[in-house]
Amino acid sequence: MNIIERTLNDVTILDLEGNLALEGNKRFRRHVAATIDAGARKLVLNLDGVPYMDSSGLGELISCYTAMQKMSGSVKLLHLNDRLQHLLAITKLSALLDTFDSEPAAISSFAP
C-alpha cells in the first residue's frame, strides 16, 4: 500500500494505491493515526488506486471513520470502483460513509 498525502485548504487527501487488505492495513492504520494526531479533521480517502478491499480493509475504514468522529472530524471516500461500491452497499456502510466521484465535490461537502 502506497499512500500520498496532500492538503487542499484545510482538507487532507490521502491518495491510496494498492489493495486495502490484510497486508496493507498496518501501514494505512499508522498513516491515518499520524494524520489525525497532526490535527486533520477533514479527511478524503482517494480510493482510485485501490482495486481490491477485503473485510479487514472494511474494518480499517470503519476504524478511520470512528477515530475521526471522536475528534469531531469526518472522512469522505472518493473514486470507488464498482466492486468497492457494491461492497459498501451490501455491508450497509454506504449509509455511514459519504462517497464521491469527483474531488471538488468531496472537498466542498465538508461544512465550512
PDB file of N, CA and C in Angstrom:
ATOM      1  N   MET A   1       0.850  -1.181   0.000  1.00  0.00           N
ATOM      2  CA  MET A   1       0.000   0.000   0.000  1.00  0.00           C
ATOM      3  C   MET A   1       0.886   1.231   0.000  1.00  0.00           C
ATOM      4  N   ASN A   2       0.740   2.048  -1.030  1.00  0.00           N
ATOM      5  CA  ASN A   2       1.409   3.336  -1.102  1.00  0.00           C
ATOM      6  C   ASN A   2       0.396   4.414  -0.763  1.00  0.00           C
ATOM      7  N   ILE A   3       0.833   5.396   0.013  1.00  0.00           N
ATOM      8  CA  ILE A   3      -0.054   6.483   0.437  1.00  0.00           C
ATOM      9  C   ILE A   3       0.648   7.806   0.174  1.00  0.00           C
ATOM     10  N   ILE A   4      -0.014   8.654  -0.582  1.00  0.00           N
ATOM     11  CA  ILE A   4       0.483  10.002  -0.823  1.00  0.00           C
ATOM     12  C   ILE A   4      -0.474  10.954  -0.126  1.00  0.00           C
ATOM     13  N   GLU A   5       0.073  11.780   0.747  1.00  0.00           N
ATOM     14  CA  GLU A   5      -0.746  12.730   1.485  1.00  0.00           C
ATOM     15  C   GLU A   5      -0.566  14.121   0.895  1.00  0.00           C
ATOM     16  N   ARG A   6      -1.682  14.786   0.704  1.00  0.00           N
ATOM     17  CA  ARG A   6      -1.637  16.167   0.239  1.00  0.00           C
ATOM     18  C   ARG A   6      -2.754  16.937   0.926  1.00  0.00           C
ATOM     19  N   THR A   7      -2.619  18.247   0.933  1.00  0.00           N
ATOM     20  CA  THR A   7      -3.594  19.098   1.601  1.00  0.00           C
ATOM     21  C   THR A   7      -4.100  20.151   0.638  1.00  0.00           C
ATOM     22  N   LEU A   8      -5.390  20.351   0.641  1.00  0.00           N
ATOM     23  CA  LEU A   8      -6.024  21.387  -0.161  1.00  0.00           C
ATOM     24  C   LEU A   8      -6.880  22.197   0.797  1.00  0.00           C
ATOM     25  N   ASN A   9      -6.468  23.451   1.018  1.00  0.00           N
ATOM     26  CA  ASN A   9      -7.079  24.295   2.051  1.00  0.00           C
ATOM     27  C   ASN A   9      -6.934  23.582   3.391  1.00  0.00           C
ATOM     28  N   ASP A  10      -8.022  23.258   4.046  1.00  0.00           N
ATOM     29  CA  ASP A  10      -7.934  22.564   5.335  1.00  0.00           C
ATOM     30  C   ASP A  10      -8.370  21.097   5.229  1.00  0.00           C
ATOM     31  N   VAL A  11      -8.371  20.567   4.023  1.00  0.00           N
ATOM     32  CA  VAL A  11      -8.772  19.176   3.791  1.00  0.00           C
ATOM     33  C   VAL A  11      -7.530  18.340   3.472  1.00  0.00           C
ATOM     34  N   THR A  12      -7.369  17.252   4.194  1.00  0.00           N
ATOM     35  CA  THR A  12      -6.266  16.323   3.948  1.00  0.00           C
ATOM     36  C   THR A  12      -6.774  15.225   3.022  1.00  0.00           C
ATOM     37  N   ILE A  13      -6.025  14.979   1.965  1.00  0.00           N
ATOM     38  CA  ILE A  13      -6.392  13.952   0.986  1.00  0.00           C
ATOM     39  C   ILE A  13      -5.318  12.881   1.016  1.00  0.00           C
ATOM     40  N   LEU A  14      -5.740  11.640   1.190  1.00  0.00           N
ATOM     41  CA  LEU A  14      -4.827  10.504   1.133  1.00  0.00           C
ATOM     42  C   LEU A  14      -5.112   9.747  -0.157  1.00  0.00           C
ATOM     43  N   ASP A  15      -4.150   9.778  -1.073  1.00  0.00           N
ATOM     44  CA  ASP A  15      -4.250   9.008  -2.312  1.00  0.00           C
ATOM     45  C   ASP A  15      -3.698   7.619  -2.027  1.00  0.00           C
ATOM     46  N   LEU A  16      -4.559   6.618  -2.071  1.00  0.00           N
ATOM     47  CA  LEU A  16      -4.178   5.242  -1.751  1.00  0.00           C
ATOM     48  C   LEU A  16      -3.925   4.463  -3.031  1.00  0.00           C
ATOM     49  N   GLU A  17      -2.881   3.651  -2.998  1.00  0.00           N
ATOM     50  CA  GLU A  17      -2.556   2.824  -4.150  1.00  0.00           C
ATOM     51  C   GLU A  17      -2.177   1.432  -3.670  1.00  0.00           C
ATOM     52  N   GLY A  18      -2.926   0.447  -4.123  1.00  0.00           N
ATOM     53  CA  GLY A  18      -2.702  -0.941  -3.716  1.00  0.00           C
ATOM     54  C   GLY A  18      -3.954  -1.484  -3.047  1.00  0.00           C
ATOM     55  N   ASN A  19      -3.902  -2.729  -2.695  1.00  0.00           N
ATOM     56  CA  ASN A  19      -5.050  -3.375  -2.063  1.00  0.00           C
ATOM     57  C   ASN A  19      -5.188  -2.942  -0.615  1.00  0.00           C
ATOM     58  N   LEU A  20      -6.410  -2.659  -0.212  1.00  0.00           N
ATOM     59  CA  LEU A  20      -6.693  -2.395   1.191  1.00  0.00           C
ATOM     60  C   LEU A  20      -7.143  -3.724   1.782  1.00  0.00           C
ATOM     61  N   ALA A  21      -6.143  -4.507   2.075  1.00  0.00           N
ATOM     62  CA  ALA A  21      -6.361  -5.870   2.553  1.00  0.00           C
ATOM     63  C   ALA A  21      -5.372  -6.125   3.683  1.00  0.00           C
ATOM     64  N   LEU A  22      -5.414  -7.298   4.212  1.00  0.00           N
ATOM     65  CA  LEU A  22      -4.641  -7.640   5.402  1.00  0.00           C
ATOM     66  C   LEU A  22      -3.195  -7.139   5.363  1.00  0.00           C
ATOM     67  N   GLU A  23      -2.512  -7.324   4.256  1.00  0.00           N
ATOM     68  CA  GLU A  23      -1.099  -6.952   4.213  1.00  0.00           C
ATOM     69  C   GLU A  23      -0.848  -5.446   4.141  1.00  0.00           C
ATOM     70  N   GLY A  24      -1.805  -4.658   3.691  1.00  0.00           N
ATOM     71  CA  GLY A  24      -1.604  -3.216   3.585  1.00  0.00           C
ATOM     72  C   GLY A  24      -2.228  -2.415   4.710  1.00  0.00           C
ATOM     73  N   ASN A  25      -2.963  -3.078   5.574  1.00  0.00           N
ATOM     74  CA  ASN A  25      -3.728  -2.371   6.586  1.00  0.00           C
ATOM     75  C   ASN A  25      -2.885  -1.703   7.651  1.00  0.00           C
ATOM     76  N   LYS A  26      -1.779  -2.320   8.032  1.00  0.00           N
ATOM     77  CA  LYS A  26      -0.954  -1.763   9.098  1.00  0.00           C
ATOM     78  C   LYS A  26      -0.430  -0.387   8.700  1.00  0.00           C
ATOM     79  N   ARG A  27       0.061  -0.278   7.482  1.00  0.00           N
ATOM     80  CA  ARG A  27       0.578   1.000   7.006  1.00  0.00           C
ATOM     81  C   ARG A  27      -0.545   2.033   6.920  1.00  0.00           C
ATOM     82  N   PHE A  28      -1.692   1.629   6.413  1.00  0.00           N
ATOM     83  CA  PHE A  28      -2.844   2.520   6.328  1.00  0.00           C
ATOM     84  C   PHE A  28      -3.230   3.015   7.718  1.00  0.00           C
ATOM     85  N   ARG A  29      -3.336   2.119   8.670  1.00  0.00           N
ATOM     86  CA  ARG A  29      -3.730   2.454  10.037  1.00  0.00           C
ATOM     87  C   ARG A  29      -2.748   3.452  10.660  1.00  0.00           C
ATOM     88  N   ARG A  30      -1.456   3.190  10.511  1.00  0.00           N
ATOM     89  CA  ARG A  30      -0.439   4.092  11.075  1.00  0.00           C
ATOM     90  C   ARG A  30      -0.523   5.474  10.428  1.00  0.00           C
ATOM     91  N   HIS A  31      -0.700   5.502   9.112  1.00  0.00           N
ATOM     92  CA  HIS A  31      -0.741   6.782   8.409  1.00  0.00           C
ATOM     93  C   HIS A  31      -1.970   7.593   8.821  1.00  0.00           C
ATOM     94  N   VAL A  32      -3.116   6.952   8.917  1.00  0.00           N
ATOM     95  CA  VAL A  32      -4.334   7.652   9.339  1.00  0.00           C
ATOM     96  C   VAL A  32      -4.181   8.167  10.763  1.00  0.00           C
ATOM     97  N   ALA A  33      -3.634   7.352  11.660  1.00  0.00           N
ATOM     98  CA  ALA A  33      -3.434   7.779  13.050  1.00  0.00           C
ATOM     99  C   ALA A  33      -2.509   8.990  13.113  1.00  0.00           C
ATOM    100  N   ALA A  34      -1.425   8.963  12.356  1.00  0.00           N
ATOM    101  CA  ALA A  34      -0.490  10.091  12.339  1.00  0.00           C
ATOM    102  C   ALA A  34      -1.151  11.342  11.768  1.00  0.00           C
ATOM    103  N   THR A  35      -1.979  11.171  10.756  1.00  0.00           N
ATOM    104  CA  THR A  35      -2.679  12.291  10.143  1.00  0.00           C
ATOM    105  C   THR A  35      -3.649  12.926  11.132  1.00  0.00           C
ATOM    106  N   ILE A  36      -4.375  12.105  11.861  1.00  0.00           N
ATOM    107  CA  ILE A  36      -5.313  12.609  12.872  1.00  0.00           C
ATOM    108  C   ILE A  36      -4.535  13.280  14.003  1.00  0.00           C
ATOM    109  N   ASP A  37      -3.456  12.659  14.444  1.00  0.00           N
ATOM    110  CA  ASP A  37      -2.629  13.240  15.509  1.00  0.00           C
ATOM    111  C   ASP A  37      -2.040  14.583  15.097  1.00  0.00           C
ATOM    112  N   ALA A  38      -1.804  14.758  13.803  1.00  0.00           N
ATOM    113  CA  ALA A  38      -1.264  16.025  13.296  1.00  0.00           C
ATOM    114  C   ALA A  38      -2.336  17.108  13.198  1.00  0.00           C
ATOM    115  N   GLY A  39      -3.586  16.754  13.480  1.00  0.00           N
ATOM    116  CA  GLY A  39      -4.643  17.748  13.526  1.00  0.00           C
ATOM    117  C   GLY A  39      -5.647  17.711  12.392  1.00  0.00           C
ATOM    118  N   ALA A  40      -5.540  16.761  11.495  1.00  0.00           N
ATOM    119  CA  ALA A  40      -6.503  16.679  10.392  1.00  0.00           C
ATOM    120  C   ALA A  40      -7.886  16.349  10.932  1.00  0.00           C
ATOM    121  N   ARG A  41      -8.882  17.112  10.500  1.00  0.00           N
ATOM    122  CA  ARG A  41     -10.265  16.858  10.904  1.00  0.00           C
ATOM    123  C   ARG A  41     -11.179  16.691   9.709  1.00  0.00           C
ATOM    124  N   LYS A  42     -10.665  16.993   8.524  1.00  0.00           N
ATOM    125  CA  LYS A  42     -11.390  16.788   7.274  1.00  0.00           C
ATOM    126  C   LYS A  42     -10.511  15.910   6.399  1.00  0.00           C
ATOM    127  N   LEU A  43     -10.960  14.683   6.184  1.00  0.00           N
ATOM    128  CA  LEU A  43     -10.135  13.693   5.506  1.00  0.00           C
ATOM    129  C   LEU A  43     -10.872  13.098   4.315  1.00  0.00           C
ATOM    130  N   VAL A  44     -10.186  13.072   3.175  1.00  0.00           N
ATOM    131  CA  VAL A  44     -10.707  12.419   1.981  1.00  0.00           C
ATOM    132  C   VAL A  44      -9.784  11.248   1.663  1.00  0.00           C
ATOM    133  N   LEU A  45     -10.362  10.064   1.548  1.00  0.00           N
ATOM    134  CA  LEU A  45      -9.607   8.881   1.141  1.00  0.00           C
ATOM    135  C   LEU A  45      -9.883   8.638  -0.332  1.00  0.00           C
ATOM    136  N   ASN A  46      -8.868   8.868  -1.154  1.00  0.00           N
ATOM    137  CA  ASN A  46      -8.993   8.663  -2.599  1.00  0.00           C
ATOM    138  C   ASN A  46      -8.674   7.202  -2.898  1.00  0.00           C
ATOM    139  N   LEU A  47      -9.693   6.441  -3.246  1.00  0.00           N
ATOM    140  CA  LEU A  47      -9.549   5.004  -3.477  1.00  0.00           C
ATOM    141  C   LEU A  47      -9.407   4.655  -4.952  1.00  0.00           C
ATOM    142  N   ASP A  48      -9.055   5.643  -5.761  1.00  0.00           N
ATOM    143  CA  ASP A  48      -8.903   5.416  -7.197  1.00  0.00           C
ATOM    144  C   ASP A  48      -7.872   4.329  -7.497  1.00  0.00           C
ATOM    145  N   GLY A  49      -6.835   4.238  -6.681  1.00  0.00           N
ATOM    146  CA  GLY A  49      -5.781   3.249  -6.901  1.00  0.00           C
ATOM    147  C   GLY A  49      -5.947   1.982  -6.084  1.00  0.00           C
ATOM    148  N   VAL A  50      -7.156   1.749  -5.557  1.00  0.00           N
ATOM    149  CA  VAL A  50      -7.424   0.562  -4.735  1.00  0.00           C
ATOM    150  C   VAL A  50      -8.327  -0.387  -5.518  1.00  0.00           C
ATOM    151  N   PRO A  51      -7.745  -1.421  -6.128  1.00  0.00           N
ATOM    152  CA  PRO A  51      -8.556  -2.344  -6.914  1.00  0.00           C
ATOM    153  C   PRO A  51      -9.326  -3.358  -6.069  1.00  0.00           C
ATOM    154  N   TYR A  52      -8.838  -3.614  -4.845  1.00  0.00           N
ATOM    155  CA  TYR A  52      -9.422  -4.684  -4.038  1.00  0.00           C
ATOM    156  C   TYR A  52      -9.406  -4.296  -2.569  1.00  0.00           C
ATOM    157  N   MET A  53     -10.482  -4.652  -1.875  1.00  0.00           N
ATOM    158  CA  MET A  53     -10.576  -4.456  -0.434  1.00  0.00           C
ATOM    159  C   MET A  53     -11.234  -5.694   0.158  1.00  0.00           C
ATOM    160  N   ASP A  54     -10.655  -6.219   1.226  1.00  0.00           N
ATOM    161  CA  ASP A  54     -11.270  -7.365   1.887  1.00  0.00           C
ATOM    162  C   ASP A  54     -11.956  -6.895   3.171  1.00  0.00           C
ATOM    163  N   SER A  55     -12.441  -7.836   3.960  1.00  0.00           N
ATOM    164  CA  SER A  55     -13.176  -7.476   5.174  1.00  0.00           C
ATOM    165  C   SER A  55     -12.299  -6.726   6.170  1.00  0.00           C
ATOM    166  N   SER A  56     -11.013  -7.028   6.209  1.00  0.00           N
ATOM    167  CA  SER A  56     -10.138  -6.293   7.119  1.00  0.00           C
ATOM    168  C   SER A  56      -9.962  -4.856   6.648  1.00  0.00           C
ATOM    169  N   GLY A  57      -9.991  -4.636   5.338  1.00  0.00           N
ATOM    170  CA  GLY A  57      -9.944  -3.284   4.798  1.00  0.00           C
ATOM    171  C   GLY A  57     -11.193  -2.501   5.167  1.00  0.00           C
ATOM    172  N   LEU A  58     -12.344  -3.158   5.121  1.00  0.00           N
ATOM    173  CA  LEU A  58     -13.587  -2.522   5.565  1.00  0.00           C
ATOM    174  C   LEU A  58     -13.487  -2.139   7.041  1.00  0.00           C
ATOM    175  N   GLY A  59     -12.894  -3.021   7.814  1.00  0.00           N
ATOM    176  CA  GLY A  59     -12.687  -2.735   9.238  1.00  0.00           C
ATOM    177  C   GLY A  59     -11.820  -1.503   9.438  1.00  0.00           C
ATOM    178  N   GLU A  60     -10.815  -1.350   8.598  1.00  0.00           N
ATOM    179  CA  GLU A  60      -9.950  -0.170   8.681  1.00  0.00           C
ATOM    180  C   GLU A  60     -10.707   1.103   8.330  1.00  0.00           C
ATOM    181  N   LEU A  61     -11.590   1.037   7.343  1.00  0.00           N
ATOM    182  CA  LEU A  61     -12.404   2.207   7.009  1.00  0.00           C
ATOM    183  C   LEU A  61     -13.302   2.597   8.181  1.00  0.00           C
ATOM    184  N   ILE A  62     -13.889   1.603   8.830  1.00  0.00           N
ATOM    185  CA  ILE A  62     -14.741   1.868   9.990  1.00  0.00           C
ATOM    186  C   ILE A  62     -13.916   2.460  11.132  1.00  0.00           C
ATOM    187  N   SER A  63     -12.730   1.924  11.362  1.00  0.00           N
ATOM    188  CA  SER A  63     -11.853   2.460  12.408  1.00  0.00           C
ATOM    189  C   SER A  63     -11.469   3.902  12.122  1.00  0.00           C
ATOM    190  N   CYS A  64     -11.177   4.192  10.867  1.00  0.00           N
ATOM    191  CA  CYS A  64     -10.848   5.551  10.450  1.00  0.00           C
ATOM    192  C   CYS A  64     -12.035   6.473  10.699  1.00  0.00           C
ATOM    193  N   TYR A  65     -13.211   6.045  10.292  1.00  0.00           N
ATOM    194  CA  TYR A  65     -14.434   6.821  10.498  1.00  0.00           C
ATOM    195  C   TYR A  65     -14.651   7.089  11.986  1.00  0.00           C
ATOM    196  N   THR A  66     -14.520   6.064  12.812  1.00  0.00           N
ATOM    197  CA  THR A  66     -14.732   6.184  14.251  1.00  0.00           C
ATOM    198  C   THR A  66     -13.722   7.133  14.884  1.00  0.00           C
ATOM    199  N   ALA A  67     -12.458   7.003  14.496  1.00  0.00           N
ATOM    200  CA  ALA A  67     -11.413   7.876  15.037  1.00  0.00           C
ATOM    201  C   ALA A  67     -11.683   9.330  14.686  1.00  0.00           C
ATOM    202  N   MET A  68     -12.120   9.580  13.463  1.00  0.00           N
ATOM    203  CA  MET A  68     -12.422  10.949  13.053  1.00  0.00           C
ATOM    204  C   MET A  68     -13.644  11.483  13.797  1.00  0.00           C
ATOM    205  N   GLN A  69     -14.642  10.655  14.012  1.00  0.00           N
ATOM    206  CA  GLN A  69     -15.834  11.076  14.749  1.00  0.00           C
ATOM    207  C   GLN A  69     -15.477  11.467  16.178  1.00  0.00           C
ATOM    208  N   LYS A  70     -14.587  10.701  16.815  1.00  0.00           N
ATOM    209  CA  LYS A  70     -14.162  11.002  18.186  1.00  0.00           C
ATOM    210  C   LYS A  70     -13.468  12.348  18.278  1.00  0.00           C
ATOM    211  N   MET A  71     -12.847  12.776  17.195  1.00  0.00           N
ATOM    212  CA  MET A  71     -12.129  14.050  17.162  1.00  0.00           C
ATOM    213  C   MET A  71     -12.987  15.157  16.531  1.00  0.00           C
ATOM    214  N   SER A  72     -14.281  14.910  16.403  1.00  0.00           N
ATOM    215  CA  SER A  72     -15.225  15.846  15.769  1.00  0.00           C
ATOM    216  C   SER A  72     -14.846  16.149  14.324  1.00  0.00           C
ATOM    217  N   GLY A  73     -14.285  15.151  13.670  1.00  0.00           N
ATOM    218  CA  GLY A  73     -13.922  15.283  12.263  1.00  0.00           C
ATOM    219  C   GLY A  73     -14.792  14.391  11.406  1.00  0.00           C
ATOM    220  N   SER A  74     -14.482  14.375  10.119  1.00  0.00           N
ATOM    221  CA  SER A  74     -15.232  13.488   9.226  1.00  0.00           C
ATOM    222  C   SER A  74     -14.336  13.014   8.092  1.00  0.00           C
ATOM    223  N   VAL A  75     -14.750  11.897   7.533  1.00  0.00           N
ATOM    224  CA  VAL A  75     -13.997  11.274   6.440  1.00  0.00           C
ATOM    225  C   VAL A  75     -14.949  11.036   5.271  1.00  0.00           C
ATOM    226  N   LYS A  76     -14.443  11.250   4.079  1.00  0.00           N
ATOM    227  CA  LYS A  76     -15.207  11.027   2.845  1.00  0.00           C
ATOM    228  C   LYS A  76     -14.400  10.083   1.963  1.00  0.00           C
ATOM    229  N   LEU A  77     -15.101   9.301   1.162  1.00  0.00           N
ATOM    230  CA  LEU A  77     -14.449   8.367   0.240  1.00  0.00           C
ATOM    231  C   LEU A  77     -14.598   8.882  -1.183  1.00  0.00           C
ATOM    232  N   LEU A  78     -13.542   8.726  -1.956  1.00  0.00           N
ATOM    233  CA  LEU A  78     -13.501   9.264  -3.308  1.00  0.00           C
ATOM    234  C   LEU A  78     -13.087   8.183  -4.296  1.00  0.00           C
ATOM    235  N   HIS A  79     -13.716   8.170  -5.456  1.00  0.00           N
ATOM    236  CA  HIS A  79     -13.358   7.307  -6.589  1.00  0.00           C
ATOM    237  C   HIS A  79     -13.373   5.811  -6.256  1.00  0.00           C
ATOM    238  N   LEU A  80     -14.498   5.321  -5.775  1.00  0.00           N
ATOM    239  CA  LEU A  80     -14.635   3.888  -5.541  1.00  0.00           C
ATOM    240  C   LEU A  80     -14.967   3.201  -6.855  1.00  0.00           C
ATOM    241  N   ASN A  81     -14.312   2.079  -7.117  1.00  0.00           N
ATOM    242  CA  ASN A  81     -14.674   1.323  -8.312  1.00  0.00           C
ATOM    243  C   ASN A  81     -15.996   0.588  -8.039  1.00  0.00           C
ATOM    244  N   ASP A  82     -16.542  -0.054  -9.065  1.00  0.00           N
ATOM    245  CA  ASP A  82     -17.840  -0.729  -8.927  1.00  0.00           C
ATOM    246  C   ASP A  82     -17.824  -1.794  -7.837  1.00  0.00           C
ATOM    247  N   ARG A  83     -16.730  -2.523  -7.744  1.00  0.00           N
ATOM    248  CA  ARG A  83     -16.626  -3.588  -6.748  1.00  0.00           C
ATOM    249  C   ARG A  83     -16.672  -3.017  -5.330  1.00  0.00           C
ATOM    250  N   LEU A  84     -15.945  -1.916  -5.102  1.00  0.00           N
ATOM    251  CA  LEU A  84     -15.934  -1.303  -3.772  1.00  0.00           C
ATOM    252  C   LEU A  84     -17.278  -0.675  -3.440  1.00  0.00           C
ATOM    253  N   GLN A  85     -17.932  -0.081  -4.420  1.00  0.00           N
ATOM    254  CA  GLN A  85     -19.268   0.470  -4.192  1.00  0.00           C
ATOM    255  C   GLN A  85     -20.247  -0.634  -3.806  1.00  0.00           C
ATOM    256  N   HIS A  86     -20.152  -1.756  -4.505  1.00  0.00           N
ATOM    257  CA  HIS A  86     -21.018  -2.898  -4.197  1.00  0.00           C
ATOM    258  C   HIS A  86     -20.735  -3.417  -2.783  1.00  0.00           C
ATOM    259  N   LEU A  87     -19.475  -3.496  -2.422  1.00  0.00           N
ATOM    260  CA  LEU A  87     -19.082  -3.960  -1.093  1.00  0.00           C
ATOM    261  C   LEU A  87     -19.663  -3.055  -0.006  1.00  0.00           C
ATOM    262  N   LEU A  88     -19.595  -1.756  -0.201  1.00  0.00           N
ATOM    263  CA  LEU A  88     -20.175  -0.829   0.776  1.00  0.00           C
ATOM    264  C   LEU A  88     -21.697  -0.958   0.821  1.00  0.00           C
ATOM    265  N   ALA A  89     -22.311  -1.191  -0.324  1.00  0.00           N
ATOM    266  CA  ALA A  89     -23.771  -1.319  -0.369  1.00  0.00           C
ATOM    267  C   ALA A  89     -24.244  -2.569   0.363  1.00  0.00           C
ATOM    268  N   ILE A  90     -23.614  -3.711   0.116  1.00  0.00           N
ATOM    269  CA  ILE A  90     -24.097  -4.951   0.742  1.00  0.00           C
ATOM    270  C   ILE A  90     -23.802  -5.001   2.240  1.00  0.00           C
ATOM    271  N   THR A  91     -22.796  -4.248   2.686  1.00  0.00           N
ATOM    272  CA  THR A  91     -22.490  -4.203   4.118  1.00  0.00           C
ATOM    273  C   THR A  91     -23.224  -3.051   4.811  1.00  0.00           C
ATOM    274  N   LYS A  92     -23.992  -2.290   4.044  1.00  0.00           N
ATOM    275  CA  LYS A  92     -24.758  -1.146   4.543  1.00  0.00           C
ATOM    276  C   LYS A  92     -23.861   0.000   5.022  1.00  0.00           C
ATOM    277  N   LEU A  93     -22.578  -0.046   4.692  1.00  0.00           N
ATOM    278  CA  LEU A  93     -21.675   1.034   5.075  1.00  0.00           C
ATOM    279  C   LEU A  93     -21.855   2.269   4.202  1.00  0.00           C
ATOM    280  N   SER A  94     -22.535   2.108   3.077  1.00  0.00           N
ATOM    281  CA  SER A  94     -22.794   3.257   2.210  1.00  0.00           C
ATOM    282  C   SER A  94     -23.703   4.267   2.906  1.00  0.00           C
ATOM    283  N   ALA A  95     -24.466   3.831   3.896  1.00  0.00           N
ATOM    284  CA  ALA A  95     -25.307   4.745   4.662  1.00  0.00           C
ATOM    285  C   ALA A  95     -24.477   5.540   5.679  1.00  0.00           C
ATOM    286  N   LEU A  96     -23.320   5.029   6.024  1.00  0.00           N
ATOM    287  CA  LEU A  96     -22.460   5.642   7.032  1.00  0.00           C
ATOM    288  C   LEU A  96     -21.375   6.517   6.411  1.00  0.00           C
ATOM    289  N   LEU A  97     -20.814   6.056   5.305  1.00  0.00           N
ATOM    290  CA  LEU A  97     -19.682   6.737   4.673  1.00  0.00           C
ATOM    291  C   LEU A  97     -20.117   7.462   3.406  1.00  0.00           C
ATOM    292  N   ASP A  98     -19.823   8.747   3.331  1.00  0.00           N
ATOM    293  CA  ASP A  98     -20.144   9.520   2.140  1.00  0.00           C
ATOM    294  C   ASP A  98     -19.147   9.200   1.038  1.00  0.00           C
ATOM    295  N   THR A  99     -19.646   8.958  -0.164  1.00  0.00           N
ATOM    296  CA  THR A  99     -18.787   8.650  -1.303  1.00  0.00           C
ATOM    297  C   THR A  99     -19.001   9.678  -2.407  1.00  0.00           C
ATOM    298  N   PHE A 100     -17.935   9.930  -3.159  1.00  0.00           N
ATOM    299  CA  PHE A 100     -17.969  10.941  -4.209  1.00  0.00           C
ATOM    300  C   PHE A 100     -17.204  10.456  -5.430  1.00  0.00           C
ATOM    301  N   ASP A 101     -17.614  10.978  -6.588  1.00  0.00           N
ATOM    302  CA  ASP A 101     -16.955  10.643  -7.846  1.00  0.00           C
ATOM    303  C   ASP A 101     -15.971  11.721  -8.287  1.00  0.00           C
ATOM    304  N   SER A 102     -16.016  12.891  -7.643  1.00  0.00           N
ATOM    305  CA  SER A 102     -15.092  13.963  -8.017  1.00  0.00           C
ATOM    306  C   SER A 102     -14.481  14.579  -6.763  1.00  0.00           C
ATOM    307  N   GLU A 103     -13.216  14.940  -6.887  1.00  0.00           N
ATOM    308  CA  GLU A 103     -12.510  15.535  -5.756  1.00  0.00           C
ATOM    309  C   GLU A 103     -13.130  16.873  -5.336  1.00  0.00           C
ATOM    310  N   PRO A 104     -13.455  17.765  -6.272  1.00  0.00           N
ATOM    311  CA  PRO A 104     -14.079  19.025  -5.845  1.00  0.00           C
ATOM    312  C   PRO A 104     -15.381  18.812  -5.068  1.00  0.00           C
ATOM    313  N   ALA A 105     -16.183  17.845  -5.477  1.00  0.00           N
ATOM    314  CA  ALA A 105     -17.437  17.555  -4.754  1.00  0.00           C
ATOM    315  C   ALA A 105     -17.151  17.043  -3.348  1.00  0.00           C
ATOM    316  N   ALA A 106     -16.166  16.180  -3.209  1.00  0.00           N
ATOM    317  CA  ALA A 106     -15.813  15.652  -1.886  1.00  0.00           C
ATOM    318  C   ALA A 106     -15.327  16.770  -0.968  1.00  0.00           C
ATOM    319  N   ILE A 107     -14.482  17.639  -1.501  1.00  0.00           N
ATOM    320  CA  ILE A 107     -13.922  18.724  -0.695  1.00  0.00           C
ATOM    321  C   ILE A 107     -15.012  19.724  -0.302  1.00  0.00           C
ATOM    322  N   SER A 108     -15.877  20.056  -1.232  1.00  0.00           N
ATOM    323  CA  SER A 108     -16.921  21.033  -0.923  1.00  0.00           C
ATOM    324  C   SER A 108     -18.011  20.472  -0.022  1.00  0.00           C
ATOM    325  N   SER A 109     -18.031  19.153   0.189  1.00  0.00           N
ATOM    326  CA  SER A 109     -19.056  18.547   1.037  1.00  0.00           C
ATOM    327  C   SER A 109     -18.804  18.784   2.533  1.00  0.00           C
ATOM    328  N   PHE A 110     -17.598  19.187   2.892  1.00  0.00           N
ATOM    329  CA  PHE A 110     -17.303  19.478   4.284  1.00  0.00           C
ATOM    330  C   PHE A 110     -17.951  20.806   4.659  1.00  0.00           C
ATOM    331  N   ALA A 111     -18.588  20.835   5.811  1.00  0.00           N
ATOM    332  CA  ALA A 111     -19.212  22.075   6.272  1.00  0.00           C
ATOM    333  C   ALA A 111     -18.109  23.096   6.561  1.00  0.00           C
ATOM    334  N   PRO A 112     -18.341  24.360   6.210  1.00  0.00           N
ATOM    335  CA  PRO A 112     -17.304  25.389   6.446  1.00  0.00           C
ATOM    336  C   PRO A 112     -17.024  25.612   7.921  1.00  0.00           C
TER     337      PRO A 112
END
